[in-house]
Amino acid sequence: MKYELFNNRTGEEIKEFYTTVDVVKTEKELVFEFICKNSQFFSADNKYNGPIFAGDVCEAFVCTGEDLSWYYEIEVAPNNCKFLYKMHNLGDANLEQYPIPENECFLESEFEKLSDTDYRIKFSVPLDKIGYNEKIGIRYNAYRIETEGGITDKNLLALNPTLSDTFHKPEFFIKLV
């Protein structure tokens, strides 16, 4: 299903950095496809699990268990660099982080430059690798960071805005339908 992202801090539309995400669960995988407008394609790092979130990225936080405090943080930058962590959110910005080693990475991704300012990022994860349970389902949120060329966290966009300066608020995850 295709959705529009909004200003994470205010919940308002962001026309200048219009972004859509299409979220699909197939028989074997969970797929996110972002279309991002008006970007300078700033990638903050080129190493797997490096701090790519300091640049332009498309992200999803995905929870497949009953406990919302445990989720995967999945990110892809415009240089197709990947970030894949299992997170344990203890509240009040207290996060335990468990990086998935590169040799165990199950995140597939692709980047496509659509124009001088627009791009598409598509990524997928196998349902069995993220612990999908049909009875519990999937709760998630999708995000974009647009730095306008390098200003960290300048523009934070979210499918379901957390109304703050952070995406790490699992109480704002939505159920995949």
Protein backbone atom coordinates (compact mmCIF):
# COMPACT_ATOMS: atom_id res chain seq x y z
CA MET A 1 0.00 0.00 0.00
CA LYS A 2 1.35 3.45 -0.91
CA TYR A 3 1.51 6.22 1.70
CA GLU A 4 2.74 9.81 1.94
CA LEU A 5 5.27 10.84 4.61
CA PHE A 6 4.80 13.91 6.83
CA ASN A 7 6.92 16.24 8.94
CA ASN A 8 7.96 14.10 11.91
CA ARG A 9 8.12 17.06 14.29
CA THR A 10 4.77 18.69 13.44
CA GLY A 11 2.72 16.10 11.55
CA GLU A 12 2.21 18.58 8.70
CA GLU A 13 2.65 17.96 4.98
CA ILE A 14 6.10 18.61 3.53
CA LYS A 15 5.58 19.53 -0.10
CA GLU A 16 9.21 20.54 -0.70
CA PHE A 17 10.48 17.04 0.14
CA TYR A 18 7.45 15.07 -0.99
CA THR A 19 7.99 11.40 -0.21
CA THR A 20 5.92 8.28 -0.69
CA VAL A 21 6.50 4.78 0.58
CA ASP A 22 4.90 1.65 -0.78
CA VAL A 23 4.85 -1.17 1.79
CA VAL A 24 4.10 -4.72 0.64
CA LYS A 25 4.27 -8.07 2.41
CA THR A 26 4.68 -10.92 -0.04
CA GLU A 27 4.66 -14.59 0.81
CA LYS A 28 8.38 -14.46 1.65
CA GLU A 29 9.46 -10.87 2.25
CA LEU A 30 8.61 -7.39 3.45
CA VAL A 31 9.27 -4.71 0.83
CA PHE A 32 9.56 -0.92 1.21
CA GLU A 33 9.80 1.33 -1.86
CA PHE A 34 10.41 5.05 -1.33
CA ILE A 35 10.11 7.82 -3.92
CA CYS A 36 11.95 10.91 -2.64
CA LYS A 37 11.74 14.38 -4.17
CA ASN A 38 14.12 17.34 -4.02
CA SER A 39 17.26 15.73 -2.62
CA GLN A 40 20.94 16.58 -2.88
CA PHE A 41 21.80 12.86 -2.53
CA PHE A 42 24.05 13.40 0.48
CA SER A 43 25.47 10.15 1.82
CA ALA A 44 27.24 10.53 5.16
CA ASP A 45 29.13 7.24 5.02
CA ASN A 46 29.88 4.40 2.65
CA LYS A 47 30.46 1.59 5.14
CA TYR A 48 27.91 -1.05 6.07
CA ASN A 49 26.38 -0.18 9.46
CA GLY A 50 28.25 3.13 9.49
CA PRO A 51 26.45 6.31 10.64
CA ILE A 52 24.57 6.74 7.37
CA PHE A 53 21.69 8.31 9.35
CA ALA A 54 23.82 11.49 9.54
CA GLY A 55 22.98 11.94 5.84
CA ASP A 56 20.01 11.39 3.56
CA VAL A 57 18.39 8.00 4.21
CA CYS A 58 15.18 6.05 3.87
CA GLU A 59 14.36 3.97 6.93
CA ALA A 60 11.89 1.54 8.40
CA PHE A 61 11.56 0.27 11.95
CA VAL A 62 9.92 -3.17 11.95
CA CYS A 63 8.55 -5.10 14.93
CA THR A 64 7.38 -8.70 14.53
CA GLY A 65 7.05 -9.69 18.19
CA GLU A 66 4.54 -8.87 20.90
CA ASP A 67 7.00 -6.55 22.68
CA LEU A 68 7.20 -3.22 20.78
CA SER A 69 10.46 -2.36 22.50
CA TRP A 70 12.29 -4.84 20.21
CA TYR A 71 12.49 -3.96 16.51
CA TYR A 72 14.74 -3.87 13.47
CA GLU A 73 16.13 -0.56 12.29
CA ILE A 74 16.63 -0.73 8.53
CA GLU A 75 18.24 2.12 6.57
CA VAL A 76 19.47 2.68 3.02
CA ALA A 77 21.30 5.80 1.78
CA PRO A 78 21.38 7.25 -1.76
CA ASN A 79 24.76 5.55 -2.31
CA ASN A 80 22.96 2.24 -1.54
CA CYS A 81 24.88 1.87 1.72
CA LYS A 82 22.97 -0.23 4.27
CA PHE A 83 22.36 -0.15 8.02
CA LEU A 84 20.72 -3.10 9.79
CA TYR A 85 20.40 -3.29 13.58
CA LYS A 86 18.18 -5.07 16.06
CA MET A 87 17.12 -2.44 18.60
CA HIS A 88 15.91 -2.71 22.17
CA ASN A 89 14.20 0.52 23.17
CA LEU A 90 14.33 0.91 26.95
CA GLY A 91 12.54 4.28 26.80
CA ASP A 92 13.68 7.87 27.34
CA ALA A 93 16.13 7.66 24.40
CA ASN A 94 17.88 4.70 26.03
CA LEU A 95 18.61 2.21 23.23
CA GLU A 96 20.47 -1.07 23.26
CA GLN A 97 21.82 -1.66 19.76
CA TYR A 98 22.71 -5.00 18.22
CA PRO A 99 24.27 -4.66 14.75
CA ILE A 100 23.68 -7.45 12.27
CA PRO A 101 27.17 -8.38 10.98
CA GLU A 102 27.76 -7.71 7.30
CA ASN A 103 28.35 -11.40 6.54
CA GLU A 104 24.89 -12.12 8.03
CA CYS A 105 23.11 -9.18 6.38
CA PHE A 106 19.76 -10.22 4.92
CA LEU A 107 18.77 -6.74 3.71
CA GLU A 108 18.47 -6.41 -0.08
CA SER A 109 18.39 -2.89 -1.52
CA GLU A 110 18.55 -0.86 -4.70
CA PHE A 111 18.90 2.83 -5.49
CA GLU A 112 17.74 4.55 -8.67
CA LYS A 113 18.31 8.19 -9.54
CA LEU A 114 15.08 9.37 -11.19
CA SER A 115 16.22 12.93 -11.98
CA ASP A 116 18.75 15.51 -10.79
CA THR A 117 16.78 15.84 -7.55
CA ASP A 118 14.62 12.73 -7.18
CA TYR A 119 15.38 9.12 -6.34
CA ARG A 120 13.90 5.74 -5.57
CA ILE A 121 15.12 3.40 -2.85
CA LYS A 122 13.68 -0.08 -2.57
CA PHE A 123 14.63 -2.55 0.12
CA SER A 124 13.38 -5.88 1.36
CA VAL A 125 13.93 -8.33 4.21
CA PRO A 126 12.92 -12.00 4.31
CA LEU A 127 10.02 -12.61 6.70
CA ASP A 128 11.70 -15.64 8.27
CA LYS A 129 14.84 -13.62 9.10
CA ILE A 130 12.87 -10.95 10.99
CA GLY A 131 10.87 -13.49 12.98
CA TYR A 132 7.51 -12.95 11.28
CA ASN A 133 4.61 -14.64 13.06
CA GLU A 134 1.28 -14.52 11.24
CA LYS A 135 -0.69 -14.39 14.51
CA ILE A 136 1.21 -11.33 15.75
CA GLY A 137 1.70 -9.60 12.40
CA ILE A 138 3.97 -6.66 11.66
CA ARG A 139 4.07 -3.22 13.25
CA TYR A 140 6.30 -0.60 11.64
CA ASN A 141 6.95 2.99 10.78
CA ALA A 142 8.73 4.42 7.74
CA TYR A 143 10.97 7.48 7.62
CA ARG A 144 13.12 9.72 5.47
CA ILE A 145 15.91 12.04 6.56
CA GLU A 146 16.74 14.86 4.11
CA THR A 147 19.80 16.88 5.14
CA GLU A 148 19.78 19.34 2.21
CA GLY A 149 23.42 18.51 1.59
CA GLY A 150 24.69 17.68 5.04
CA ILE A 151 22.78 19.30 7.92
CA THR A 152 22.10 16.30 10.16
CA ASP A 153 18.43 15.75 11.02
CA LYS A 154 17.38 18.93 9.18
CA ASN A 155 14.21 17.41 7.69
CA LEU A 156 12.67 14.40 9.40
CA LEU A 157 9.74 12.77 7.62
CA ALA A 158 7.59 9.91 8.87
CA LEU A 159 4.62 7.84 7.84
CA ASN A 160 3.21 8.18 11.37
CA PRO A 161 4.99 11.22 12.89
CA THR A 162 6.31 10.91 16.44
CA LEU A 163 5.94 14.70 16.93
CA SER A 164 9.51 14.91 18.22
CA ASP A 165 13.16 14.99 17.14
CA THR A 166 13.44 11.20 17.23
CA PHE A 167 12.02 8.29 15.28
CA HIS A 168 12.65 5.87 18.17
CA LYS A 169 9.12 5.86 19.58
CA PRO A 170 7.63 2.41 18.99
CA GLU A 171 4.27 3.51 20.36
CA PHE A 172 3.86 5.26 16.97
CA PHE A 173 4.31 2.04 14.97
CA ILE A 174 1.31 1.08 12.86
CA LYS A 175 -0.04 -2.36 12.03
CA LEU A 176 0.62 -3.62 8.52
CA VAL A 177 -2.69 -4.35 6.82
